[in-house]
Amino acid sequence: MPLSQEKDKIFIGIDLSAKENKPSPICIFFSLSRTFNFFTIHKNEEIINIIDSLYGLKKRTKIYVLFDSPLFSESGVKFRSMDLIALKLGGKLLPLSFKSIKELGQRGELLSHQLLSKYKELVIFETHPYTASKILGYSNTKQLSEKLLGTSLNKGLSDAFACCISGIIFFKIGGIAIEDDYSHFTMIFPKNISSS
């Protein structure tokens, strides 16, 4: 069944930055209208407000949030098993022990728990846009966005778009789901649709 015949699903791809004073590009896809919206936010509160407004507009919809960020920040962990699998799939991931990645994980963990405490029905995943692009047969997220959208986006917006695409393909066609061995979150990647 095509997406247009289903109940509306909203996919939100977030290229999260480690700090709130840095921009976090976002891509939102509405399945019924088949439209993508792009913009940039800074603060956690802005992301919460966006989801507030989406639930207000579409009370019966399903919202999926896909983070380009670890949603975990426990010290002493370099790579989780899900990170190692992503590396084998062609990803380029920095260790969680790196200062910038640790800060990103702290923000991702806090924000994901803030969202889930407010919206029990929200579905949250980790993904990795570069890895997703490689699985789909593209060199990087910019090439992915250029081929699928027909327009050029900056890297941050391309990464957010790739997060969205990961969710759309995963839930429509299938893909890879890897459970985090430390938290309840899952990392997902899209199936290579050229082989479908």
Protein backbone atom coordinates (compact mmCIF):
# COMPACT_ATOMS: atom_id res chain seq x y z
CA MET A 1 0.00 0.00 0.00
CA PRO A 2 1.50 3.36 -0.96
CA LEU A 3 2.27 5.80 1.84
CA SER A 4 -0.41 8.15 0.48
CA GLN A 5 -3.14 5.58 1.31
CA GLU A 6 -2.02 5.05 4.89
CA LYS A 7 -2.74 7.04 8.01
CA ASP A 8 -0.38 9.98 8.17
CA LYS A 9 3.05 9.21 9.55
CA ILE A 10 5.54 11.93 10.37
CA PHE A 11 9.27 11.25 10.31
CA ILE A 12 11.59 13.76 11.97
CA GLY A 13 15.29 13.51 11.21
CA ILE A 14 17.50 15.49 13.59
CA ASP A 15 21.19 16.16 12.99
CA LEU A 16 21.68 17.00 16.65
CA SER A 17 24.56 19.23 17.71
CA ALA A 18 26.38 18.67 20.99
CA LYS A 19 25.46 22.10 22.38
CA GLU A 20 22.34 24.23 22.25
CA ASN A 21 24.25 27.28 20.99
CA LYS A 22 25.06 25.37 17.78
CA PRO A 23 22.46 24.78 15.05
CA SER A 24 20.69 21.43 14.76
CA PRO A 25 19.26 20.90 11.25
CA ILE A 26 15.90 19.12 11.07
CA CYS A 27 14.00 17.41 8.26
CA ILE A 28 10.30 16.55 8.66
CA PHE A 29 8.47 14.25 6.24
CA PHE A 30 4.67 14.02 6.10
CA SER A 31 3.66 10.72 4.52
CA LEU A 32 0.21 11.72 3.26
CA SER A 33 1.31 14.88 1.47
CA ARG A 34 4.72 13.33 0.68
CA THR A 35 6.42 16.61 1.54
CA PHE A 36 9.71 17.38 3.25
CA ASN A 37 10.23 20.48 5.40
CA PHE A 38 13.68 21.68 6.41
CA PHE A 39 14.77 24.12 9.08
CA THR A 40 17.25 24.61 11.90
CA ILE A 41 16.74 24.84 15.64
CA HIS A 42 19.06 25.35 18.59
CA LYS A 43 17.46 24.56 21.93
CA ASN A 44 15.86 21.35 23.21
CA GLU A 45 12.75 23.36 23.97
CA GLU A 46 12.39 24.17 20.26
CA ILE A 47 12.32 20.47 19.36
CA ILE A 48 9.74 19.82 22.09
CA ASN A 49 7.61 22.71 20.79
CA ILE A 50 7.76 21.33 17.23
CA ILE A 51 6.47 17.95 18.37
CA ASP A 52 3.82 19.69 20.49
CA SER A 53 2.57 21.51 17.41
CA LEU A 54 2.62 18.36 15.27
CA TYR A 55 0.52 16.43 17.76
CA GLY A 56 -1.79 19.42 18.01
CA LEU A 57 -2.31 19.47 14.25
CA LYS A 58 -2.58 15.72 13.74
CA LYS A 59 -3.81 14.02 16.87
CA ARG A 60 -4.11 10.56 15.33
CA THR A 61 -0.79 10.53 13.54
CA LYS A 62 2.30 8.47 14.38
CA ILE A 63 5.52 10.40 14.88
CA TYR A 64 8.96 8.84 14.50
CA VAL A 65 12.07 10.75 15.58
CA LEU A 66 15.43 9.68 14.17
CA PHE A 67 18.52 11.10 15.82
CA ASP A 68 21.95 11.40 14.29
CA SER A 69 23.33 11.20 17.80
CA PRO A 70 24.08 8.57 20.41
CA LEU A 71 21.28 8.55 22.98
CA PHE A 72 23.67 7.30 25.62
CA SER A 73 26.49 8.89 27.59
CA GLU A 74 27.82 6.41 30.16
CA SER A 75 31.51 7.02 30.80
CA GLY A 76 34.07 4.35 30.05
CA VAL A 77 32.32 3.02 26.92
CA LYS A 78 34.21 3.46 23.67
CA PHE A 79 31.92 1.63 21.23
CA ARG A 80 28.64 -0.17 21.80
CA SER A 81 27.90 -3.34 19.87
CA MET A 82 25.50 -1.32 17.68
CA ASP A 83 28.33 1.10 16.83
CA LEU A 84 30.60 -1.77 15.84
CA ILE A 85 27.93 -3.13 13.50
CA ALA A 86 27.50 0.33 11.95
CA LEU A 87 31.26 0.45 11.36
CA LYS A 88 31.10 -2.93 9.60
CA LEU A 89 28.30 -1.57 7.40
CA GLY A 90 30.62 1.18 6.16
CA GLY A 91 29.98 3.90 8.71
CA LYS A 92 32.49 6.33 10.14
CA LEU A 93 31.81 6.73 13.85
CA LEU A 94 33.95 8.41 16.46
CA PRO A 95 34.30 6.68 19.85
CA LEU A 96 31.81 7.65 22.55
CA SER A 97 34.80 8.48 24.74
CA PHE A 98 35.73 11.48 22.54
CA LYS A 99 34.85 14.71 24.36
CA SER A 100 32.62 16.07 21.59
CA ILE A 101 30.81 12.73 21.14
CA LYS A 102 30.37 12.35 24.89
CA GLU A 103 28.78 15.81 25.02
CA LEU A 104 26.57 14.89 22.07
CA GLY A 105 25.54 11.67 23.83
CA GLN A 106 24.70 13.57 27.00
CA ARG A 107 22.44 15.94 25.08
CA GLY A 108 20.89 13.12 23.06
CA GLU A 109 20.19 11.07 26.17
CA LEU A 110 18.64 14.02 28.01
CA LEU A 111 16.50 15.13 25.07
CA SER A 112 15.26 11.63 24.24
CA HIS A 113 14.14 11.09 27.84
CA GLN A 114 12.51 14.53 27.96
CA LEU A 115 10.55 13.67 24.83
CA LEU A 116 9.48 10.23 25.99
CA SER A 117 8.42 11.49 29.40
CA LYS A 118 6.07 13.95 27.67
CA TYR A 119 4.94 11.87 24.67
CA LYS A 120 4.52 8.19 25.58
CA GLU A 121 3.42 7.35 22.01
CA LEU A 122 6.53 8.86 20.38
CA VAL A 123 8.88 6.42 18.66
CA ILE A 124 12.59 7.30 18.89
CA PHE A 125 15.56 5.69 17.15
CA GLU A 126 19.20 6.34 16.56
CA THR A 127 20.52 6.17 13.02
CA HIS A 128 23.69 7.20 11.26
CA PRO A 129 23.12 9.15 8.04
CA TYR A 130 26.48 8.47 6.41
CA THR A 131 26.10 4.72 6.98
CA ALA A 132 22.53 4.86 5.65
CA SER A 133 23.75 6.65 2.52
CA LYS A 134 26.41 4.01 1.92
CA ILE A 135 23.85 1.20 2.35
CA LEU A 136 21.60 2.93 -0.20
CA GLY A 137 24.46 3.15 -2.70
CA TYR A 138 25.50 6.80 -2.34
CA SER A 139 28.88 8.27 -1.46
CA ASN A 140 27.53 10.57 1.24
CA THR A 141 24.38 12.32 2.42
CA LYS A 142 24.81 15.26 0.04
CA GLN A 143 24.79 12.92 -2.96
CA LEU A 144 21.78 11.11 -1.48
CA SER A 145 19.81 14.34 -1.10
CA GLU A 146 20.80 15.60 -4.56
CA LYS A 147 19.67 12.37 -6.25
CA LEU A 148 16.43 11.92 -4.31
CA LEU A 149 15.37 15.57 -3.98
CA GLY A 150 16.95 17.01 -7.11
CA THR A 151 18.47 19.85 -5.13
CA SER A 152 21.64 20.53 -3.18
CA LEU A 153 21.52 20.84 0.61
CA ASN A 154 24.27 21.71 3.07
CA LYS A 155 25.78 18.83 5.03
CA GLY A 156 23.65 19.33 8.15
CA LEU A 157 20.36 19.37 6.24
CA SER A 158 21.55 16.45 4.08
CA ASP A 159 22.28 14.47 7.25
CA ALA A 160 18.83 15.29 8.65
CA PHE A 161 17.29 14.23 5.32
CA ALA A 162 19.21 10.93 5.41
CA CYS A 163 17.88 10.31 8.94
CA CYS A 164 14.35 10.80 7.61
CA ILE A 165 14.95 8.51 4.64
CA SER A 166 16.30 5.82 6.98
CA GLY A 167 13.03 5.83 8.92
CA ILE A 168 10.79 5.97 5.86
CA ILE A 169 12.48 3.04 4.12
CA PHE A 170 12.86 1.02 7.33
CA PHE A 171 9.14 1.20 8.12
CA LYS A 172 7.96 0.81 4.53
CA ILE A 173 10.35 -1.81 3.17
CA GLY A 174 12.56 -3.02 6.01
CA GLY A 175 16.14 -2.78 7.09
CA ILE A 176 18.43 -3.45 10.00
CA ALA A 177 17.53 -2.86 13.66
CA ILE A 178 20.24 -3.13 16.30
CA GLU A 179 19.38 -3.05 20.00
CA ASP A 180 21.58 -0.94 22.25
CA ASP A 181 23.28 -3.12 24.86
CA TYR A 182 23.19 -0.29 27.41
CA SER A 183 19.85 1.48 26.96
CA HIS A 184 16.41 0.70 25.55
CA PHE A 185 17.03 2.54 22.28
CA THR A 186 17.54 0.92 18.88
CA MET A 187 19.69 1.96 15.92
CA ILE A 188 18.05 1.44 12.53
CA PHE A 189 19.28 1.44 8.96
CA PRO A 190 17.31 1.21 5.71
CA LYS A 191 17.27 -1.79 3.41
CA ASN A 192 19.16 -1.32 0.15
CA ILE A 193 16.11 -0.60 -2.02
CA SER A 194 17.99 -1.33 -5.24
CA SER A 195 17.98 -4.99 -4.22
CA SER A 196 14.24 -5.03 -3.35
